[in-house]
Structure formats: structure tokens, C-alpha cells
Amino acid sequence: MASPLFPNDLIRAQQQWHDTYRALAVPRPRRTTELRRRLLALSVRIHWHPFWSTPAGRTPAARVELRQRTAEGRARGAA
């Protein structure tokens, strides 16, 4: 199965989700309410993105691949 081509706005939203999640994961984070609201808003944006209604986005594997791709890119950048 070929890898789906994810829309740029979906990739950016998932990357922002990872960044926000990491900001909440640090010990004693600041602005926790703001970060939690942002995480929730990004989760909704990602979940309801029109890409998931296309044939390439209908499989659960596509969601997993998006998370893995965006997490790998961020982990490499931080290392």
C-alpha cells in the first residue's frame, strides 16, 4: 500500500499538536489551561479534517502514519 499524501494544513496541525503535548509534559508547565485548550482545538481540527473522508484517509493506518511521520520529524529536530 502506498503512503498517503497528507495535506500541508493537516501535517502542520499534527506537528502543532505534538509540540503542545510536549509543552504540557514538562514538569510544572506554565499556561496549562491555555495549552490544554489548544490541544483540544488541534485534536478537533485533526479529527474532523476533510482528508479523512477521502479514500486515502479512510483507513486507521493513515491516522497512525500521520502521527508517526510528524513525531519522527520533531524528534529528529530536537536531537
C-alpha atoms as a PDB file:
ATOM      1  CA  MET A   1       0.000   0.000   0.000  1.00  0.00           C
ATOM      2  CA  ALA A   2       1.352   3.408  -0.971  1.00  0.00           C
ATOM      3  CA  SER A   3       1.802   6.095   1.658  1.00  0.00           C
ATOM      4  CA  PRO A   4      -0.941   8.711   1.546  1.00  0.00           C
ATOM      5  CA  LEU A   5      -0.056  12.265   0.640  1.00  0.00           C
ATOM      6  CA  PHE A   6      -1.269  14.301   3.585  1.00  0.00           C
ATOM      7  CA  PRO A   7      -2.412  17.908   3.082  1.00  0.00           C
ATOM      8  CA  ASN A   8       0.020  20.505   4.429  1.00  0.00           C
ATOM      9  CA  ASP A   9      -2.517  22.005   6.840  1.00  0.00           C
ATOM     10  CA  LEU A  10      -3.156  18.575   8.362  1.00  0.00           C
ATOM     11  CA  ILE A  11       0.575  17.948   8.776  1.00  0.00           C
ATOM     12  CA  ARG A  12       1.050  21.363  10.421  1.00  0.00           C
ATOM     13  CA  ALA A  13      -1.869  20.761  12.780  1.00  0.00           C
ATOM     14  CA  GLN A  14      -0.458  17.379  13.831  1.00  0.00           C
ATOM     15  CA  GLN A  15       3.009  18.896  14.348  1.00  0.00           C
ATOM     16  CA  GLN A  16       1.487  21.670  16.465  1.00  0.00           C
ATOM     17  CA  TRP A  17      -0.404  19.016  18.422  1.00  0.00           C
ATOM     18  CA  HIS A  18       2.874  17.204  19.214  1.00  0.00           C
ATOM     19  CA  ASP A  19       4.545  20.493  20.212  1.00  0.00           C
ATOM     20  CA  THR A  20       1.659  21.415  22.503  1.00  0.00           C
ATOM     21  CA  TYR A  21       1.587  17.948  24.044  1.00  0.00           C
ATOM     22  CA  ARG A  22       5.318  18.140  24.765  1.00  0.00           C
ATOM     23  CA  ALA A  23       4.876  21.588  26.323  1.00  0.00           C
ATOM     24  CA  LEU A  24       2.284  20.104  28.685  1.00  0.00           C
ATOM     25  CA  ALA A  25       4.505  17.126  29.503  1.00  0.00           C
ATOM     26  CA  VAL A  26       7.310  19.134  31.084  1.00  0.00           C
ATOM     27  CA  PRO A  27       7.402  19.285  34.876  1.00  0.00           C
ATOM     28  CA  ARG A  28       5.289  22.173  36.176  1.00  0.00           C
ATOM     29  CA  PRO A  29       4.284  23.638  32.785  1.00  0.00           C
ATOM     30  CA  ARG A  30       3.174  27.233  32.549  1.00  0.00           C
ATOM     31  CA  ARG A  31      -0.124  28.279  30.986  1.00  0.00           C
ATOM     32  CA  THR A  32      -1.633  24.802  31.407  1.00  0.00           C
ATOM     33  CA  THR A  33      -5.181  25.957  30.729  1.00  0.00           C
ATOM     34  CA  GLU A  34      -4.144  27.648  27.501  1.00  0.00           C
ATOM     35  CA  LEU A  35      -2.126  24.625  26.407  1.00  0.00           C
ATOM     36  CA  ARG A  36      -4.967  22.208  27.191  1.00  0.00           C
ATOM     37  CA  ARG A  37      -7.421  24.323  25.225  1.00  0.00           C
ATOM     38  CA  ARG A  38      -5.002  24.469  22.302  1.00  0.00           C
ATOM     39  CA  LEU A  39      -4.510  20.705  22.433  1.00  0.00           C
ATOM     40  CA  LEU A  40      -8.261  20.172  22.383  1.00  0.00           C
ATOM     41  CA  ALA A  41      -8.769  22.600  19.477  1.00  0.00           C
ATOM     42  CA  LEU A  42      -5.997  20.926  17.469  1.00  0.00           C
ATOM     43  CA  SER A  43      -7.448  17.488  18.233  1.00  0.00           C
ATOM     44  CA  VAL A  44     -10.820  18.581  16.870  1.00  0.00           C
ATOM     45  CA  ARG A  45      -9.226  20.140  13.771  1.00  0.00           C
ATOM     46  CA  ILE A  46      -7.271  16.948  13.064  1.00  0.00           C
ATOM     47  CA  HIS A  47     -10.163  14.584  13.776  1.00  0.00           C
ATOM     48  CA  TRP A  48     -12.645  16.380  11.510  1.00  0.00           C
ATOM     49  CA  HIS A  49     -10.240  17.248   8.677  1.00  0.00           C
ATOM     50  CA  PRO A  50     -11.793  16.537   5.237  1.00  0.00           C
ATOM     51  CA  PHE A  51      -8.811  14.340   4.302  1.00  0.00           C
ATOM     52  CA  TRP A  52     -10.223  11.525   6.433  1.00  0.00           C
ATOM     53  CA  SER A  53     -13.250  11.343   4.084  1.00  0.00           C
ATOM     54  CA  THR A  54     -11.072  10.576   1.056  1.00  0.00           C
ATOM     55  CA  PRO A  55     -10.172   7.017   0.029  1.00  0.00           C
ATOM     56  CA  ALA A  56      -6.548   7.547   1.150  1.00  0.00           C
ATOM     57  CA  GLY A  57      -7.639   8.715   4.591  1.00  0.00           C
ATOM     58  CA  ARG A  58     -10.319   6.164   5.387  1.00  0.00           C
ATOM     59  CA  THR A  59      -8.024   3.582   6.966  1.00  0.00           C
ATOM     60  CA  PRO A  60      -6.897   3.701  10.597  1.00  0.00           C
ATOM     61  CA  ALA A  61      -3.363   3.111   9.312  1.00  0.00           C
ATOM     62  CA  ALA A  62      -3.414   6.554   7.678  1.00  0.00           C
ATOM     63  CA  ARG A  63      -4.004   8.222  11.060  1.00  0.00           C
ATOM     64  CA  VAL A  64      -1.183   6.217  12.622  1.00  0.00           C
ATOM     65  CA  GLU A  65       1.154   7.093   9.765  1.00  0.00           C
ATOM     66  CA  LEU A  66       0.404  10.807  10.120  1.00  0.00           C
ATOM     67  CA  ARG A  67       1.219  10.687  13.843  1.00  0.00           C
ATOM     68  CA  GLN A  68       4.411   8.704  13.247  1.00  0.00           C
ATOM     69  CA  ARG A  69       5.639  10.932  10.437  1.00  0.00           C
ATOM     70  CA  THR A  70       5.097  14.135  12.357  1.00  0.00           C
ATOM     71  CA  ALA A  71       6.512  12.772  15.612  1.00  0.00           C
ATOM     72  CA  GLU A  72       9.646  11.488  13.847  1.00  0.00           C
ATOM     73  CA  GLY A  73      10.300  14.847  12.232  1.00  0.00           C
ATOM     74  CA  ARG A  74      10.009  16.630  15.584  1.00  0.00           C
ATOM     75  CA  ALA A  75      12.143  14.092  17.444  1.00  0.00           C
ATOM     76  CA  ARG A  76      14.928  14.429  14.883  1.00  0.00           C
ATOM     77  CA  GLY A  77      14.780  18.205  15.070  1.00  0.00           C
ATOM     78  CA  ALA A  78      15.092  18.153  18.846  1.00  0.00           C
ATOM     79  CA  ALA A  79      18.020  15.730  18.901  1.00  0.00           C
END
